[in-house]
Amino acid sequence: MNRTLFAWMQLAGGSACTAAPQQLSREPAASYAFCNVFTSSACFGIAPGDRLTMEIPADFVMYSVEFASGSTAKVCVGGNPSLATSAEMPLGTCYEKSGFVECRVRTLTDGTTEYLVRGGSQSDFVHVTISANASPSSTTSFLNNIRACSKQGATLVGPSDRQRR
């Protein structure tokens, strides 16, 4: 995977996202994860045993993550997020922003977690949905592992440390 990721980064203009490694808790055991997936406005990590697929269905990029625990997440990056059409729960403000200026989160009545972040008024939205069967700790770990990045020339730059706001 490292060669594939390196080749993809080279095709994307030699981009690199700098972010401090984070210790994340995943079922069944803790895994060391860091930014190893890079988007136009964010980076995130997946752990050993997780699977990732990427597709471009329209004017956005969709990453599908299947965690080793069996739960799943979808990460969509683009300008017009398609939120769940439900008035059951408003989007609340996130505690952990990880460098994002906008951060909203909610848990739907079916247990699905919906997370929407944006690094700035000109950056793409990052819209994440995590399946209802994910444990609260793995959901929190994955969401806290998503970090804002911005493009400076041909380089993606992210926060060197997680910021609490």
N, C-alpha and C. Protein backbone atom coordinates (compact mmCIF):
# COMPACT_ATOMS: atom_id res chain seq x y z
N MET A 1 0.82 -1.18 0.00
CA MET A 1 0.00 0.00 0.00
C MET A 1 0.87 1.25 0.00
N ASN A 2 2.03 1.23 0.66
CA ASN A 2 2.87 2.41 0.72
C ASN A 2 3.30 2.87 -0.67
N ARG A 3 3.64 1.93 -1.55
CA ARG A 3 4.03 2.30 -2.90
C ARG A 3 2.85 2.91 -3.65
N THR A 4 1.67 2.32 -3.49
CA THR A 4 0.48 2.85 -4.14
C THR A 4 0.19 4.25 -3.64
N LEU A 5 0.24 4.45 -2.34
CA LEU A 5 -0.01 5.76 -1.76
C LEU A 5 1.03 6.75 -2.23
N PHE A 6 2.30 6.36 -2.27
CA PHE A 6 3.35 7.24 -2.73
C PHE A 6 3.11 7.63 -4.19
N ALA A 7 2.74 6.64 -5.02
CA ALA A 7 2.48 6.92 -6.44
C ALA A 7 1.30 7.86 -6.58
N TRP A 8 0.25 7.64 -5.79
CA TRP A 8 -0.91 8.52 -5.84
C TRP A 8 -0.52 9.92 -5.42
N MET A 9 0.30 10.05 -4.38
CA MET A 9 0.74 11.37 -3.93
C MET A 9 1.55 12.06 -5.00
N GLN A 10 2.39 11.31 -5.71
CA GLN A 10 3.19 11.91 -6.78
C GLN A 10 2.29 12.41 -7.91
N LEU A 11 1.26 11.62 -8.26
CA LEU A 11 0.32 12.05 -9.29
C LEU A 11 -0.46 13.28 -8.85
N ALA A 12 -0.70 13.40 -7.55
CA ALA A 12 -1.45 14.54 -7.03
C ALA A 12 -0.56 15.75 -6.85
N GLY A 13 0.67 15.69 -7.27
CA GLY A 13 1.55 16.84 -7.19
C GLY A 13 2.55 16.76 -6.06
N GLY A 14 2.87 15.55 -5.63
CA GLY A 14 3.87 15.40 -4.57
C GLY A 14 3.36 15.86 -3.22
N SER A 15 2.06 15.78 -2.99
CA SER A 15 1.48 16.29 -1.76
C SER A 15 1.86 15.46 -0.56
N ALA A 16 2.00 16.13 0.56
CA ALA A 16 2.22 15.47 1.84
C ALA A 16 1.47 16.25 2.90
N CYS A 17 0.86 15.57 3.80
CA CYS A 17 0.12 16.21 4.88
C CYS A 17 0.89 15.95 6.16
N THR A 18 1.25 16.99 6.85
CA THR A 18 2.00 16.82 8.08
C THR A 18 1.04 16.82 9.25
N ALA A 19 1.05 15.77 10.01
CA ALA A 19 0.22 15.68 11.21
C ALA A 19 0.86 14.72 12.17
N ALA A 20 0.72 15.00 13.44
CA ALA A 20 1.33 14.15 14.46
C ALA A 20 0.61 12.81 14.52
N PRO A 21 1.34 11.70 14.66
CA PRO A 21 0.70 10.40 14.81
C PRO A 21 -0.19 10.37 16.04
N GLN A 22 -1.28 9.64 15.96
CA GLN A 22 -2.21 9.55 17.07
C GLN A 22 -2.39 8.09 17.46
N GLN A 23 -2.55 7.85 18.74
CA GLN A 23 -2.85 6.52 19.24
C GLN A 23 -4.35 6.37 19.27
N LEU A 24 -4.92 5.44 18.49
CA LEU A 24 -6.35 5.28 18.41
C LEU A 24 -6.77 3.93 18.95
N SER A 25 -7.94 3.90 19.52
CA SER A 25 -8.50 2.67 20.04
C SER A 25 -9.44 2.07 19.00
N ARG A 26 -9.22 0.84 18.61
CA ARG A 26 -10.08 0.13 17.65
C ARG A 26 -10.36 -1.26 18.23
N GLU A 27 -11.55 -1.79 17.93
CA GLU A 27 -11.82 -3.15 18.33
C GLU A 27 -11.15 -4.09 17.34
N PRO A 28 -10.58 -5.20 17.73
CA PRO A 28 -10.49 -5.72 19.08
C PRO A 28 -9.28 -5.21 19.86
N ALA A 29 -8.30 -4.62 19.22
CA ALA A 29 -7.10 -4.16 19.93
C ALA A 29 -6.73 -2.76 19.44
N ALA A 30 -5.94 -2.05 20.24
CA ALA A 30 -5.52 -0.70 19.86
C ALA A 30 -4.57 -0.77 18.67
N SER A 31 -4.65 0.22 17.79
CA SER A 31 -3.80 0.28 16.61
C SER A 31 -3.19 1.67 16.51
N TYR A 32 -2.03 1.75 15.93
CA TYR A 32 -1.37 3.03 15.73
C TYR A 32 -1.77 3.54 14.35
N ALA A 33 -2.47 4.67 14.31
CA ALA A 33 -2.93 5.21 13.03
C ALA A 33 -2.44 6.65 12.88
N PHE A 34 -2.26 7.08 11.67
CA PHE A 34 -1.78 8.41 11.36
C PHE A 34 -2.36 8.78 9.99
N CYS A 35 -2.04 9.96 9.49
CA CYS A 35 -2.55 10.35 8.18
C CYS A 35 -1.90 9.50 7.10
N ASN A 36 -2.67 8.55 6.59
CA ASN A 36 -2.18 7.76 5.46
C ASN A 36 -3.18 7.78 4.31
N VAL A 37 -4.23 8.59 4.44
CA VAL A 37 -5.19 8.84 3.37
C VAL A 37 -5.30 10.36 3.25
N PHE A 38 -5.10 10.88 2.02
CA PHE A 38 -5.04 12.32 1.81
C PHE A 38 -6.12 12.75 0.84
N THR A 39 -6.88 13.78 1.21
CA THR A 39 -7.91 14.34 0.34
C THR A 39 -7.52 15.78 0.00
N SER A 40 -8.37 16.49 -0.70
CA SER A 40 -8.06 17.86 -1.07
C SER A 40 -8.08 18.82 0.11
N SER A 41 -8.76 18.47 1.20
CA SER A 41 -8.86 19.39 2.33
C SER A 41 -8.71 18.73 3.69
N ALA A 42 -8.40 17.44 3.71
CA ALA A 42 -8.26 16.73 4.98
C ALA A 42 -7.40 15.49 4.78
N CYS A 43 -6.94 14.95 5.89
CA CYS A 43 -6.27 13.66 5.86
C CYS A 43 -6.79 12.85 7.03
N PHE A 44 -6.69 11.54 6.93
CA PHE A 44 -7.11 10.66 8.02
C PHE A 44 -6.32 9.37 7.92
N GLY A 45 -6.39 8.59 8.98
CA GLY A 45 -5.66 7.34 9.00
C GLY A 45 -6.57 6.14 9.08
N ILE A 46 -6.13 5.06 8.48
CA ILE A 46 -6.78 3.78 8.68
C ILE A 46 -5.75 2.85 9.29
N ALA A 47 -6.22 1.90 10.05
CA ALA A 47 -5.35 1.01 10.81
C ALA A 47 -5.12 -0.30 10.04
N PRO A 48 -4.09 -1.05 10.42
CA PRO A 48 -3.88 -2.36 9.82
C PRO A 48 -5.14 -3.22 9.97
N GLY A 49 -5.53 -3.88 8.90
CA GLY A 49 -6.73 -4.71 8.92
C GLY A 49 -7.96 -4.00 8.38
N ASP A 50 -7.93 -2.66 8.32
CA ASP A 50 -9.02 -1.89 7.72
C ASP A 50 -8.88 -1.95 6.19
N ARG A 51 -10.00 -1.79 5.48
CA ARG A 51 -9.97 -1.77 4.02
C ARG A 51 -10.50 -0.44 3.53
N LEU A 52 -9.93 0.08 2.45
CA LEU A 52 -10.32 1.36 1.89
C LEU A 52 -10.52 1.23 0.39
N THR A 53 -11.64 1.76 -0.10
CA THR A 53 -11.85 1.89 -1.54
C THR A 53 -12.18 3.35 -1.82
N MET A 54 -11.84 3.79 -3.01
CA MET A 54 -12.08 5.17 -3.41
C MET A 54 -12.77 5.17 -4.75
N GLU A 55 -13.78 6.05 -4.91
CA GLU A 55 -14.43 6.20 -6.20
C GLU A 55 -14.83 7.66 -6.40
N ILE A 56 -15.03 8.02 -7.66
CA ILE A 56 -15.45 9.38 -8.00
C ILE A 56 -16.77 9.26 -8.74
N PRO A 57 -17.91 9.26 -8.01
CA PRO A 57 -19.20 9.05 -8.65
C PRO A 57 -19.75 10.27 -9.38
N ALA A 58 -19.32 11.47 -9.00
CA ALA A 58 -19.80 12.71 -9.65
C ALA A 58 -18.78 13.80 -9.39
N ASP A 59 -19.22 14.89 -8.77
CA ASP A 59 -18.33 16.02 -8.51
C ASP A 59 -17.72 15.95 -7.10
N PHE A 60 -17.58 14.76 -6.58
CA PHE A 60 -16.97 14.55 -5.27
C PHE A 60 -16.22 13.23 -5.28
N VAL A 61 -15.40 13.03 -4.26
CA VAL A 61 -14.65 11.79 -4.09
C VAL A 61 -15.22 11.07 -2.88
N MET A 62 -15.46 9.76 -3.00
CA MET A 62 -16.00 8.98 -1.89
C MET A 62 -15.02 7.89 -1.50
N TYR A 63 -14.67 7.88 -0.23
CA TYR A 63 -13.82 6.85 0.35
C TYR A 63 -14.72 5.96 1.21
N SER A 64 -14.67 4.66 0.97
CA SER A 64 -15.42 3.71 1.78
C SER A 64 -14.42 2.94 2.64
N VAL A 65 -14.63 2.97 3.94
CA VAL A 65 -13.73 2.31 4.88
C VAL A 65 -14.49 1.19 5.56
N GLU A 66 -13.90 0.00 5.53
CA GLU A 66 -14.44 -1.12 6.29
C GLU A 66 -13.42 -1.41 7.38
N PHE A 67 -13.82 -1.17 8.63
CA PHE A 67 -12.92 -1.39 9.76
C PHE A 67 -12.78 -2.87 10.05
N ALA A 68 -11.67 -3.24 10.64
CA ALA A 68 -11.42 -4.64 11.00
C ALA A 68 -12.53 -5.18 11.89
N SER A 69 -13.19 -4.31 12.65
CA SER A 69 -14.27 -4.71 13.55
C SER A 69 -15.56 -5.06 12.81
N GLY A 70 -15.64 -4.70 11.50
CA GLY A 70 -16.83 -4.98 10.71
C GLY A 70 -17.70 -3.75 10.49
N SER A 71 -17.52 -2.69 11.26
CA SER A 71 -18.28 -1.47 11.03
C SER A 71 -17.71 -0.75 9.81
N THR A 72 -18.46 0.23 9.30
CA THR A 72 -18.05 0.92 8.07
C THR A 72 -18.17 2.43 8.23
N ALA A 73 -17.46 3.14 7.37
CA ALA A 73 -17.56 4.60 7.29
C ALA A 73 -17.50 4.99 5.83
N LYS A 74 -18.18 6.05 5.49
CA LYS A 74 -18.08 6.67 4.16
C LYS A 74 -17.56 8.08 4.40
N VAL A 75 -16.54 8.47 3.64
CA VAL A 75 -15.96 9.81 3.71
C VAL A 75 -16.11 10.42 2.33
N CYS A 76 -16.95 11.45 2.20
CA CYS A 76 -17.18 12.12 0.93
C CYS A 76 -16.55 13.50 0.99
N VAL A 77 -15.81 13.87 -0.05
CA VAL A 77 -15.13 15.15 -0.09
C VAL A 77 -15.58 15.88 -1.35
N GLY A 78 -16.16 17.07 -1.16
CA GLY A 78 -16.62 17.85 -2.29
C GLY A 78 -17.29 19.13 -1.82
N GLY A 79 -17.83 19.88 -2.76
CA GLY A 79 -18.40 21.18 -2.46
C GLY A 79 -19.83 21.18 -1.97
N ASN A 80 -20.60 20.13 -2.24
CA ASN A 80 -22.02 20.12 -1.89
C ASN A 80 -22.38 18.83 -1.17
N PRO A 81 -22.23 18.80 0.15
CA PRO A 81 -22.51 17.56 0.88
C PRO A 81 -23.99 17.21 0.84
N SER A 82 -24.27 15.94 0.79
CA SER A 82 -25.64 15.44 0.80
C SER A 82 -25.92 14.86 2.18
N LEU A 83 -26.49 15.68 3.04
CA LEU A 83 -26.77 15.26 4.41
C LEU A 83 -27.98 14.34 4.44
N ALA A 84 -28.08 13.55 5.51
CA ALA A 84 -29.25 12.70 5.70
C ALA A 84 -30.48 13.59 5.72
N THR A 85 -31.51 13.22 5.00
CA THR A 85 -32.73 14.03 4.94
C THR A 85 -33.61 13.66 6.12
N SER A 86 -33.22 14.17 7.26
CA SER A 86 -33.93 13.86 8.48
C SER A 86 -33.94 15.06 9.39
N ALA A 87 -35.09 15.39 9.89
CA ALA A 87 -35.21 16.50 10.82
C ALA A 87 -35.18 15.97 12.26
N GLU A 88 -34.83 14.69 12.42
CA GLU A 88 -34.90 14.08 13.74
C GLU A 88 -33.89 14.64 14.72
N MET A 89 -32.75 15.12 14.22
CA MET A 89 -31.71 15.62 15.11
C MET A 89 -30.90 16.67 14.37
N PRO A 90 -30.80 17.88 14.94
CA PRO A 90 -29.98 18.90 14.27
C PRO A 90 -28.49 18.59 14.42
N LEU A 91 -27.70 19.15 13.53
CA LEU A 91 -26.25 19.01 13.63
C LEU A 91 -25.76 19.89 14.77
N GLY A 92 -24.99 19.32 15.69
CA GLY A 92 -24.41 20.06 16.80
C GLY A 92 -22.97 20.41 16.52
N THR A 93 -22.42 21.29 17.33
CA THR A 93 -21.03 21.70 17.18
C THR A 93 -20.11 20.65 17.78
N CYS A 94 -19.00 20.38 17.11
CA CYS A 94 -18.02 19.40 17.58
C CYS A 94 -17.17 19.98 18.70
N TYR A 95 -16.76 19.13 19.61
CA TYR A 95 -15.80 19.54 20.63
C TYR A 95 -14.39 19.51 20.07
N GLU A 96 -14.05 18.43 19.40
CA GLU A 96 -12.70 18.23 18.83
C GLU A 96 -12.73 18.65 17.37
N LYS A 97 -12.12 19.79 17.04
CA LYS A 97 -12.20 20.31 15.66
C LYS A 97 -11.03 19.88 14.79
N SER A 98 -9.92 19.48 15.34
CA SER A 98 -8.75 19.00 14.59
C SER A 98 -8.34 19.92 13.45
N GLY A 99 -8.38 21.23 13.70
CA GLY A 99 -7.93 22.19 12.71
C GLY A 99 -9.00 22.71 11.77
N PHE A 100 -10.23 22.22 11.87
CA PHE A 100 -11.32 22.68 11.01
C PHE A 100 -11.96 23.94 11.59
N VAL A 101 -12.39 24.85 10.73
CA VAL A 101 -13.10 26.04 11.21
C VAL A 101 -14.59 25.77 11.38
N GLU A 102 -15.12 24.85 10.59
CA GLU A 102 -16.51 24.41 10.74
C GLU A 102 -16.51 22.94 11.11
N CYS A 103 -17.30 22.58 12.10
CA CYS A 103 -17.39 21.18 12.49
C CYS A 103 -18.76 20.93 13.09
N ARG A 104 -19.50 20.02 12.50
CA ARG A 104 -20.85 19.66 12.96
C ARG A 104 -20.95 18.14 13.06
N VAL A 105 -21.71 17.67 14.03
CA VAL A 105 -21.86 16.22 14.22
C VAL A 105 -23.25 15.92 14.79
N ARG A 106 -23.76 14.75 14.49
CA ARG A 106 -25.01 14.28 15.08
C ARG A 106 -25.08 12.77 14.98
N THR A 107 -25.88 12.19 15.86
CA THR A 107 -26.18 10.76 15.80
C THR A 107 -27.65 10.64 15.46
N LEU A 108 -27.96 9.93 14.38
CA LEU A 108 -29.33 9.75 13.94
C LEU A 108 -30.01 8.68 14.79
N THR A 109 -31.34 8.62 14.73
CA THR A 109 -32.07 7.67 15.58
C THR A 109 -31.72 6.22 15.26
N ASP A 110 -31.24 5.93 14.04
CA ASP A 110 -30.85 4.55 13.71
C ASP A 110 -29.44 4.22 14.22
N GLY A 111 -28.77 5.20 14.87
CA GLY A 111 -27.44 4.97 15.42
C GLY A 111 -26.30 5.41 14.52
N THR A 112 -26.59 5.78 13.27
CA THR A 112 -25.57 6.25 12.34
C THR A 112 -25.04 7.61 12.82
N THR A 113 -23.72 7.79 12.77
CA THR A 113 -23.11 9.07 13.11
C THR A 113 -22.84 9.83 11.83
N GLU A 114 -23.21 11.10 11.81
CA GLU A 114 -22.98 11.97 10.65
C GLU A 114 -22.10 13.13 11.12
N TYR A 115 -21.05 13.40 10.35
CA TYR A 115 -20.01 14.37 10.72
C TYR A 115 -19.71 15.21 9.50
N LEU A 116 -19.71 16.54 9.67
CA LEU A 116 -19.47 17.45 8.55
C LEU A 116 -18.47 18.51 8.98
N VAL A 117 -17.35 18.59 8.25
CA VAL A 117 -16.30 19.56 8.59
C VAL A 117 -15.86 20.30 7.33
N ARG A 118 -15.27 21.46 7.58
CA ARG A 118 -14.74 22.28 6.48
C ARG A 118 -13.59 23.10 7.02
N GLY A 119 -12.49 23.13 6.27
CA GLY A 119 -11.29 23.83 6.70
C GLY A 119 -11.35 25.34 6.53
N GLY A 120 -12.23 25.83 5.67
CA GLY A 120 -12.36 27.26 5.41
C GLY A 120 -13.42 27.50 4.36
N SER A 121 -13.74 28.76 4.10
CA SER A 121 -14.82 29.08 3.18
C SER A 121 -14.53 28.63 1.75
N GLN A 122 -13.27 28.45 1.38
CA GLN A 122 -12.91 28.03 0.03
C GLN A 122 -12.56 26.55 -0.07
N SER A 123 -12.57 25.83 1.03
CA SER A 123 -12.18 24.42 0.99
C SER A 123 -13.39 23.52 0.82
N ASP A 124 -13.14 22.28 0.39
CA ASP A 124 -14.19 21.30 0.23
C ASP A 124 -14.73 20.86 1.58
N PHE A 125 -15.99 20.44 1.59
CA PHE A 125 -16.56 19.81 2.77
C PHE A 125 -16.04 18.38 2.88
N VAL A 126 -15.92 17.89 4.08
CA VAL A 126 -15.65 16.49 4.35
C VAL A 126 -16.87 15.98 5.10
N HIS A 127 -17.61 15.07 4.48
CA HIS A 127 -18.85 14.54 5.06
C HIS A 127 -18.63 13.07 5.37
N VAL A 128 -18.77 12.71 6.64
CA VAL A 128 -18.50 11.35 7.09
C VAL A 128 -19.76 10.75 7.68
N THR A 129 -20.05 9.51 7.31
CA THR A 129 -21.11 8.75 7.99
C THR A 129 -20.47 7.45 8.47
N ILE A 130 -20.79 7.10 9.71
CA ILE A 130 -20.25 5.88 10.32
C ILE A 130 -21.42 5.00 10.72
N SER A 131 -21.33 3.73 10.37
CA SER A 131 -22.43 2.79 10.58
C SER A 131 -22.83 2.68 12.04
N ALA A 132 -24.10 2.34 12.23
CA ALA A 132 -24.67 2.24 13.57
C ALA A 132 -24.03 1.14 14.41
N ASN A 133 -23.44 0.12 13.78
CA ASN A 133 -22.85 -0.98 14.55
C ASN A 133 -21.45 -0.68 15.07
N ALA A 134 -20.94 0.53 14.80
CA ALA A 134 -19.61 0.91 15.33
C ALA A 134 -19.75 1.28 16.80
N SER A 135 -18.77 0.90 17.59
CA SER A 135 -18.82 1.25 19.01
C SER A 135 -18.58 2.75 19.17
N PRO A 136 -19.09 3.35 20.24
CA PRO A 136 -18.84 4.78 20.46
C PRO A 136 -17.35 5.13 20.51
N SER A 137 -16.53 4.26 21.09
CA SER A 137 -15.10 4.57 21.18
C SER A 137 -14.43 4.53 19.82
N SER A 138 -14.80 3.56 18.95
CA SER A 138 -14.17 3.52 17.63
C SER A 138 -14.67 4.66 16.76
N THR A 139 -15.94 5.06 16.92
CA THR A 139 -16.47 6.21 16.18
C THR A 139 -15.71 7.47 16.57
N THR A 140 -15.56 7.71 17.87
CA THR A 140 -14.83 8.88 18.36
C THR A 140 -13.39 8.86 17.89
N SER A 141 -12.74 7.71 17.97
CA SER A 141 -11.34 7.60 17.53
C SER A 141 -11.19 7.95 16.06
N PHE A 142 -12.07 7.42 15.22
CA PHE A 142 -11.97 7.69 13.79
C PHE A 142 -12.21 9.17 13.50
N LEU A 143 -13.25 9.75 14.09
CA LEU A 143 -13.55 11.16 13.85
C LEU A 143 -12.43 12.07 14.35
N ASN A 144 -11.84 11.75 15.50
CA ASN A 144 -10.73 12.56 16.02
C ASN A 144 -9.47 12.43 15.19
N ASN A 145 -9.41 11.41 14.35
CA ASN A 145 -8.25 11.17 13.51
C ASN A 145 -8.31 11.92 12.18
N ILE A 146 -9.43 12.55 11.88
CA ILE A 146 -9.57 13.33 10.65
C ILE A 146 -9.03 14.73 10.92
N ARG A 147 -8.07 15.18 10.11
CA ARG A 147 -7.42 16.48 10.33
C ARG A 147 -7.56 17.36 9.10
N ALA A 148 -7.67 18.66 9.35
CA ALA A 148 -7.75 19.63 8.27
C ALA A 148 -6.40 19.76 7.58
N CYS A 149 -6.42 19.91 6.29
CA CYS A 149 -5.23 20.20 5.50
C CYS A 149 -5.58 21.31 4.53
N SER A 150 -4.61 22.10 4.17
CA SER A 150 -4.83 23.12 3.15
C SER A 150 -3.70 23.03 2.15
N LYS A 151 -3.98 23.46 0.94
CA LYS A 151 -2.99 23.38 -0.12
C LYS A 151 -2.15 24.65 -0.14
N GLN A 152 -0.86 24.46 -0.09
CA GLN A 152 0.10 25.57 -0.22
C GLN A 152 1.05 25.18 -1.34
N GLY A 153 0.80 25.72 -2.52
CA GLY A 153 1.57 25.30 -3.69
C GLY A 153 1.18 23.89 -4.05
N ALA A 154 2.16 23.01 -4.14
CA ALA A 154 1.90 21.61 -4.47
C ALA A 154 1.91 20.73 -3.22
N THR A 155 1.80 21.36 -2.04
CA THR A 155 1.88 20.61 -0.79
C THR A 155 0.61 20.78 0.03
N LEU A 156 0.12 19.69 0.61
CA LEU A 156 -0.97 19.76 1.58
C LEU A 156 -0.35 19.92 2.95
N VAL A 157 -0.79 20.92 3.69
CA VAL A 157 -0.24 21.20 5.01
C VAL A 157 -1.34 21.03 6.03
N GLY A 158 -1.06 20.30 7.10
CA GLY A 158 -2.03 20.08 8.15
C GLY A 158 -1.50 20.54 9.48
N PRO A 159 -2.35 20.51 10.50
CA PRO A 159 -1.88 20.91 11.82
C PRO A 159 -0.84 19.94 12.33
N SER A 160 0.22 20.45 12.95
CA SER A 160 1.27 19.58 13.46
C SER A 160 0.85 18.91 14.76
N ASP A 161 -0.17 19.44 15.36
CA ASP A 161 -0.67 18.86 16.59
C ASP A 161 -2.18 19.03 16.61
N ARG A 162 -2.90 18.11 17.25
CA ARG A 162 -4.34 18.23 17.33
C ARG A 162 -4.69 19.42 18.20
N GLN A 163 -5.65 20.20 17.76
CA GLN A 163 -6.04 21.40 18.48
C GLN A 163 -7.38 21.17 19.17
N ARG A 164 -7.47 21.53 20.43
CA ARG A 164 -8.74 21.46 21.15
C ARG A 164 -9.31 22.86 21.22
N ARG A 165 -10.56 22.98 20.81
CA ARG A 165 -11.24 24.28 20.87
C ARG A 165 -12.53 24.14 21.60
